C-alpha atoms as a PDB file:
ATOM      1  CA  MET A   1      -4.410   9.402 -12.486  1.00  0.00           C
ATOM      2  CA  LYS A   2      -4.486   6.314 -14.462  1.00  0.00           C
ATOM      3  CA  ASN A   3      -5.956   3.319 -12.930  1.00  0.00           C
ATOM      4  CA  ARG A   4      -2.886   0.484 -13.004  1.00  0.00           C
ATOM      5  CA  VAL A   5      -3.338  -3.256 -11.906  1.00  0.00           C
ATOM      6  CA  VAL A   6      -0.421  -4.828 -10.070  1.00  0.00           C
ATOM      7  CA  THR A   7      -0.752  -8.372 -10.608  1.00  0.00           C
ATOM      8  CA  GLU A   8       2.657  -9.368  -9.448  1.00  0.00           C
ATOM      9  CA  LYS A   9       3.759  -9.457  -6.208  1.00  0.00           C
ATOM     10  CA  ILE A  10       7.865  -8.542  -5.549  1.00  0.00           C
ATOM     11  CA  ASP A  11      10.233 -10.400  -3.675  1.00  0.00           C
ATOM     12  CA  MET A  12      11.645  -7.202  -1.164  1.00  0.00           C
ATOM     13  CA  LYS A  13      14.997  -8.926  -0.674  1.00  0.00           C
ATOM     14  CA  THR A  14      15.776  -8.687  -4.533  1.00  0.00           C
ATOM     15  CA  LYS A  15      16.485  -5.881  -6.984  1.00  0.00           C
ATOM     16  CA  SER A  16      14.542  -7.273  -9.546  1.00  0.00           C
ATOM     17  CA  GLU A  17      11.734  -4.948  -9.209  1.00  0.00           C
ATOM     18  CA  PRO A  18       9.705  -4.352 -12.434  1.00  0.00           C
ATOM     19  CA  THR A  19       9.906  -0.454 -13.195  1.00  0.00           C
ATOM     20  CA  ILE A  20       6.793   1.456 -14.209  1.00  0.00           C
ATOM     21  CA  ARG A  21       5.755   4.714 -15.184  1.00  0.00           C
ATOM     22  CA  CYS A  22       5.158   7.146 -12.486  1.00  0.00           C
ATOM     23  CA  ASP A  23       1.740   9.063 -12.875  1.00  0.00           C
ATOM     24  CA  VAL A  24       3.353  11.888 -10.966  1.00  0.00           C
ATOM     25  CA  CYS A  25       6.217  12.961 -13.323  1.00  0.00           C
ATOM     26  CA  GLY A  26       5.848  10.671 -15.929  1.00  0.00           C
ATOM     27  CA  LYS A  27       9.287   8.833 -15.967  1.00  0.00           C
ATOM     28  CA  GLU A  28      10.098   5.117 -15.738  1.00  0.00           C
ATOM     29  CA  ARG A  29      11.381   5.007 -12.349  1.00  0.00           C
ATOM     30  CA  ALA A  30       8.612   3.884 -10.241  1.00  0.00           C
ATOM     31  CA  HIS A  31       8.252   0.572  -8.843  1.00  0.00           C
ATOM     32  CA  VAL A  32       5.475  -1.106  -6.174  1.00  0.00           C
ATOM     33  CA  ARG A  33       6.449  -1.994  -2.741  1.00  0.00           C
ATOM     34  CA  TYR A  34       4.141  -3.408  -0.403  1.00  0.00           C
ATOM     35  CA  LEU A  35       3.423  -1.922   3.089  1.00  0.00           C
ATOM     36  CA  THR A  36       1.320  -2.028   5.800  1.00  0.00           C
ATOM     37  CA  ARG A  37      -0.996   0.675   6.533  1.00  0.00           C
ATOM     38  CA  SER A  38      -3.275   1.423   9.397  1.00  0.00           C
ATOM     39  CA  TYR A  39      -6.416   3.369   9.626  1.00  0.00           C
ATOM     40  CA  GLY A  40      -8.318   5.048  12.786  1.00  0.00           C
ATOM     41  CA  LYS A  41      -6.899   4.906  16.069  1.00  0.00           C
ATOM     42  CA  GLY A  42      -7.614   3.487  19.653  1.00  0.00           C
ATOM     43  CA  ALA A  43      -9.747   1.126  19.859  1.00  0.00           C
ATOM     44  CA  ASN A  44     -10.603   1.404  15.761  1.00  0.00           C
ATOM     45  CA  LEU A  45      -7.622   0.881  15.094  1.00  0.00           C
ATOM     46  CA  PHE A  46      -7.283  -1.427  11.544  1.00  0.00           C
ATOM     47  CA  VAL A  47      -4.605  -2.619  10.007  1.00  0.00           C
ATOM     48  CA  ILE A  48      -3.981  -3.740   6.308  1.00  0.00           C
ATOM     49  CA  GLU A  49      -0.961  -5.718   5.384  1.00  0.00           C
ATOM     50  CA  ASN A  50       0.646  -5.622   1.640  1.00  0.00           C
ATOM     51  CA  VAL A  51      -0.790  -2.770   0.413  1.00  0.00           C
ATOM     52  CA  PRO A  52       0.719  -2.061  -3.115  1.00  0.00           C
ATOM     53  CA  VAL A  53       2.089   1.755  -2.882  1.00  0.00           C
ATOM     54  CA  VAL A  54       3.483   3.394  -5.975  1.00  0.00           C
ATOM     55  CA  CYS A  55       7.098   4.457  -5.300  1.00  0.00           C
ATOM     56  CA  CYS A  56       8.774   6.726  -7.624  1.00  0.00           C
ATOM     57  CA  SER A  57      12.889   7.281  -7.273  1.00  0.00           C
ATOM     58  CA  ALA A  58      12.333   9.866  -9.592  1.00  0.00           C
ATOM     59  CA  CYS A  59      10.497  12.382  -7.874  1.00  0.00           C
ATOM     60  CA  GLY A  60       9.765  10.845  -4.648  1.00  0.00           C
ATOM     61  CA  ALA A  61       5.926  10.321  -4.694  1.00  0.00           C
ATOM     62  CA  ASN A  62       4.604   7.579  -3.073  1.00  0.00           C
ATOM     63  CA  TYR A  63       0.863   6.860  -4.352  1.00  0.00           C
ATOM     64  CA  ILE A  64      -2.004   4.314  -4.503  1.00  0.00           C
ATOM     65  CA  THR A  65      -3.827   3.498  -7.859  1.00  0.00           C
ATOM     66  CA  ALA A  66      -7.512   3.901  -7.630  1.00  0.00           C
ATOM     67  CA  ASP A  67      -8.149   0.399  -7.946  1.00  0.00           C
ATOM     68  CA  THR A  68      -6.136  -0.165  -4.746  1.00  0.00           C
ATOM     69  CA  ALA A  69      -8.399   2.571  -3.027  1.00  0.00           C
ATOM     70  CA  HIS A  70     -11.472   0.823  -3.725  1.00  0.00           C
ATOM     71  CA  GLU A  71      -9.795  -2.409  -2.539  1.00  0.00           C
ATOM     72  CA  ILE A  72      -9.029  -0.513   0.681  1.00  0.00           C
ATOM     73  CA  ALA A  73     -12.825   0.948   1.069  1.00  0.00           C
ATOM     74  CA  ARG A  74     -14.111  -2.666   0.491  1.00  0.00           C
ATOM     75  CA  ILE A  75     -11.926  -4.439   2.985  1.00  0.00           C
ATOM     76  CA  LYS A  76     -12.536  -1.537   5.821  1.00  0.00           C
ATOM     77  CA  LEU A  77     -16.012  -1.926   4.744  1.00  0.00           C
ATOM     78  CA  HIS A  78     -16.121  -5.873   5.520  1.00  0.00           C
ATOM     79  CA  ARG A  79     -13.396  -5.546   8.349  1.00  0.00           C
ATOM     80  CA  LYS A  80     -15.339  -7.989  10.821  1.00  0.00           C
ATOM     81  CA  ALA A  81     -15.503 -10.904   8.044  1.00  0.00           C
ATOM     82  CA  LEU A  82     -12.213 -10.424   6.227  1.00  0.00           C
ATOM     83  CA  ALA A  83     -10.048  -9.413   9.579  1.00  0.00           C
ATOM     84  CA  VAL A  84      -8.050 -11.761  11.910  1.00  0.00           C
ATOM     85  CA  GLN A  85      -7.707 -10.186  15.650  1.00  0.00           C
ATOM     86  CA  ARG A  86      -4.062  -9.913  16.822  1.00  0.00           C
ATOM     87  CA  SER A  87      -2.403  -8.328  19.963  1.00  0.00           C
ATOM     88  CA  VAL A  88       0.063  -5.958  18.731  1.00  0.00           C
ATOM     89  CA  ALA A  89       2.436  -3.627  21.114  1.00  0.00           C
ATOM     90  CA  VAL A  90       2.042  -0.010  20.730  1.00  0.00           C
ATOM     91  CA  ALA A  91       4.660   2.736  21.258  1.00  0.00           C
ATOM     92  CA  GLU A  92       4.015   6.361  21.810  1.00  0.00           C
ATOM     93  CA  PHE A  93       6.715   8.512  20.030  1.00  0.00           C
ATOM     94  CA  ALA A  94       7.709  11.270  22.580  1.00  0.00           C
END
């Protein structure tokens, strides 16, 4: 996968998202969505908001770039300094 830096945050309420080339299928039908990702579980649960994820409408691939993976690793490493404690309701799918 190629490193790609995304500098523009997209307003998810509009359809003006720029398309980019998908690193999986090579088509110009991918766009960046900003999602919430969770890591760990129970007392070790850690949530990162606004993670840029590349989503391709041609092949269905969803992936993060190497730069994003490095930033996630940095955030997880320094989570005590960067995170804010929040109380969150949790439900189990049963």
